[in-house]
Amino acid sequence: MRYRLLLLCAATASMFAAAEARAHCEIPCGIYGDDLRFSMLDENVTTIEKSMNKIVELSSDPAANANQITRWVLNKDKHADDLSEIVTQYFMTQRIKLPDLTDAKAVETYKNHLMMLHKMLVYAMKSKQTTDPANTTILHDTIHEFKAAYGQK
């Protein structure tokens, strides 16, 4: 009986401790594409912008709209997190390769890519903290600047 209880507790704990499934693996499978990731980045920024606008609009009567404001804030934060996930787990860890340190041009390109990716992360964070549309404008512009520097049209 004690053994069954221990087994049940272990099984229950393992369900809660299970790793979250990710949308992308970190092996060179070749299935995922850059075009889709750029499209997802753009979609996330558009959703963040819409969420910000709805939060501002609904905040004219916060008592009556508290639930909807909360939902839009959570939506805004989720899409900022999704954008950050793509930047870090797809581009920074998988697509942007470490340069040959003897190749000055490759090192400069690498630094430029990292600066733009970091800027995206910072403005995704700022988008979570505020409803200032200037943050999403910079985020949108930086995504397109990175896309061009990365070699996408």
Protein backbone atom coordinates (compact mmCIF):
# COMPACT_ATOMS: atom_id res chain seq x y z
CA MET A 1 0.00 0.00 0.00
CA ARG A 2 2.77 2.40 0.92
CA TYR A 3 4.59 1.57 -2.32
CA ARG A 4 1.46 2.37 -4.37
CA LEU A 5 1.03 5.68 -2.59
CA LEU A 6 4.66 6.58 -3.23
CA LEU A 7 4.29 5.58 -6.91
CA LEU A 8 1.12 7.66 -7.24
CA CYS A 9 2.84 10.68 -5.67
CA ALA A 10 5.83 10.30 -8.00
CA ALA A 11 3.58 10.01 -11.05
CA THR A 12 1.61 13.09 -10.03
CA ALA A 13 4.78 15.09 -9.38
CA SER A 14 6.21 14.11 -12.75
CA MET A 15 3.11 15.44 -14.50
CA PHE A 16 3.61 18.85 -12.93
CA ALA A 17 7.37 18.84 -13.46
CA ALA A 18 7.15 17.92 -17.14
CA ALA A 19 9.02 20.27 -19.45
CA GLU A 20 6.98 22.67 -21.51
CA ALA A 21 6.73 21.66 -25.15
CA ARG A 22 8.51 24.14 -27.42
CA ALA A 23 7.59 25.07 -30.95
CA HIS A 24 11.12 24.53 -32.14
CA CYS A 25 13.83 22.05 -31.42
CA GLU A 26 17.51 22.89 -31.28
CA ILE A 27 18.74 20.31 -33.74
CA PRO A 28 19.58 20.96 -37.39
CA CYS A 29 16.36 19.49 -38.75
CA GLY A 30 15.88 21.98 -41.58
CA ILE A 31 12.11 22.00 -41.17
CA TYR A 32 11.63 25.52 -39.86
CA GLY A 33 12.12 28.55 -42.05
CA ASP A 34 13.20 32.12 -41.61
CA ASP A 35 10.26 33.56 -43.59
CA LEU A 36 7.78 32.08 -41.13
CA ARG A 37 9.74 33.42 -38.17
CA PHE A 38 9.78 36.95 -39.62
CA SER A 39 6.05 36.68 -40.27
CA MET A 40 5.53 35.57 -36.66
CA LEU A 41 7.60 38.51 -35.38
CA ASP A 42 5.45 40.93 -37.41
CA GLU A 43 2.25 39.28 -36.20
CA ASN A 44 3.36 39.52 -32.59
CA VAL A 45 4.13 43.24 -32.92
CA THR A 46 0.76 43.88 -34.58
CA THR A 47 -0.99 42.01 -31.76
CA ILE A 48 0.97 43.96 -29.12
CA GLU A 49 -0.08 47.22 -30.82
CA LYS A 50 -3.74 46.18 -30.93
CA SER A 51 -3.59 45.15 -27.28
CA MET A 52 -2.09 48.50 -26.30
CA ASN A 53 -4.82 50.36 -28.17
CA LYS A 54 -7.56 48.30 -26.50
CA ILE A 55 -6.03 48.82 -23.05
CA VAL A 56 -5.98 52.60 -23.58
CA GLU A 57 -9.52 52.58 -24.98
CA LEU A 58 -10.95 50.44 -22.17
CA SER A 59 -9.10 52.42 -19.50
CA SER A 60 -11.54 55.30 -19.98
CA ASP A 61 -13.80 53.33 -17.62
CA PRO A 62 -11.51 50.95 -15.72
CA ALA A 63 -14.12 49.84 -13.19
CA ALA A 64 -16.50 48.62 -15.88
CA ASN A 65 -13.75 47.16 -18.06
CA ALA A 66 -11.36 45.65 -15.49
CA ASN A 67 -11.72 42.09 -16.79
CA GLN A 68 -11.21 43.07 -20.42
CA ILE A 69 -8.24 45.29 -19.55
CA THR A 70 -6.66 42.37 -17.69
CA ARG A 71 -7.18 40.07 -20.67
CA TRP A 72 -5.61 42.58 -23.08
CA VAL A 73 -2.63 43.10 -20.75
CA LEU A 74 -2.07 39.35 -20.57
CA ASN A 75 -2.40 39.10 -24.35
CA LYS A 76 0.12 41.92 -24.86
CA ASP A 77 2.59 40.29 -22.48
CA LYS A 78 2.20 36.85 -24.08
CA HIS A 79 2.97 38.17 -27.54
CA ALA A 80 5.97 40.12 -26.26
CA ASP A 81 7.21 36.87 -24.67
CA ASP A 82 6.57 34.97 -27.92
CA LEU A 83 8.58 37.55 -29.84
CA SER A 84 11.43 37.27 -27.32
CA GLU A 85 11.34 33.48 -27.64
CA ILE A 86 11.76 33.65 -31.42
CA VAL A 87 14.60 36.16 -31.11
CA THR A 88 16.51 34.10 -28.56
CA GLN A 89 15.68 30.48 -29.32
CA TYR A 90 15.56 30.73 -33.10
CA PHE A 91 17.82 33.54 -34.22
CA MET A 92 20.36 33.94 -31.43
CA THR A 93 20.94 30.29 -30.61
CA GLN A 94 20.40 28.66 -33.99
CA ARG A 95 20.65 31.00 -36.95
CA ILE A 96 23.30 33.58 -36.04
CA LYS A 97 26.56 31.68 -36.17
CA LEU A 98 29.73 32.55 -34.27
CA PRO A 99 32.11 34.26 -36.70
CA ASP A 100 35.69 33.42 -37.53
CA LEU A 101 37.48 35.96 -35.33
CA THR A 102 40.13 36.50 -38.02
CA ASP A 103 37.44 37.70 -40.45
CA ALA A 104 36.78 41.36 -39.51
CA LYS A 105 33.77 41.66 -41.84
CA ALA A 106 32.13 38.53 -40.38
CA VAL A 107 32.74 39.80 -36.84
CA GLU A 108 31.19 43.18 -37.69
CA THR A 109 28.14 41.51 -39.27
CA TYR A 110 27.79 39.30 -36.20
CA LYS A 111 27.95 42.29 -33.85
CA ASN A 112 25.41 44.17 -35.96
CA HIS A 113 22.99 41.22 -35.90
CA LEU A 114 23.37 40.81 -32.14
CA MET A 115 22.79 44.52 -31.53
CA MET A 116 19.54 44.44 -33.51
CA LEU A 117 18.35 41.26 -31.80
CA HIS A 118 19.16 42.72 -28.40
CA LYS A 119 17.29 45.89 -29.33
CA MET A 120 14.24 43.74 -30.19
CA LEU A 121 14.43 42.10 -26.78
CA VAL A 122 14.67 45.46 -25.01
CA TYR A 123 11.70 46.92 -26.89
CA ALA A 124 9.64 43.76 -26.38
CA MET A 125 10.27 44.26 -22.66
CA LYS A 126 9.36 47.96 -22.88
CA SER A 127 6.18 46.99 -24.72
CA LYS A 128 5.24 44.82 -21.75
CA GLN A 129 5.85 47.69 -19.33
CA THR A 130 3.83 50.39 -21.09
CA THR A 131 1.18 51.17 -23.68
CA ASP A 132 3.46 53.64 -25.47
CA PRO A 133 3.16 52.99 -29.22
CA ALA A 134 6.67 54.40 -29.74
CA ASN A 135 8.00 51.10 -28.38
CA THR A 136 6.19 49.00 -30.96
CA THR A 137 7.19 51.41 -33.73
CA ILE A 138 10.86 50.91 -32.81
CA LEU A 139 10.27 47.17 -32.50
CA HIS A 140 8.64 46.99 -35.93
CA ASP A 141 11.40 49.07 -37.54
CA THR A 142 14.14 47.00 -35.90
CA ILE A 143 12.59 43.74 -37.12
CA HIS A 144 12.60 45.03 -40.68
CA GLU A 145 16.11 46.41 -40.32
CA PHE A 146 17.28 43.02 -39.03
CA LYS A 147 15.43 41.21 -41.82
CA ALA A 148 17.27 43.28 -44.43
CA ALA A 149 20.65 42.85 -42.70
CA TYR A 150 19.99 39.13 -42.31
CA GLY A 151 19.43 38.83 -46.04
CA GLN A 152 15.67 38.43 -46.21
CA LYS A 153 13.52 40.46 -48.58
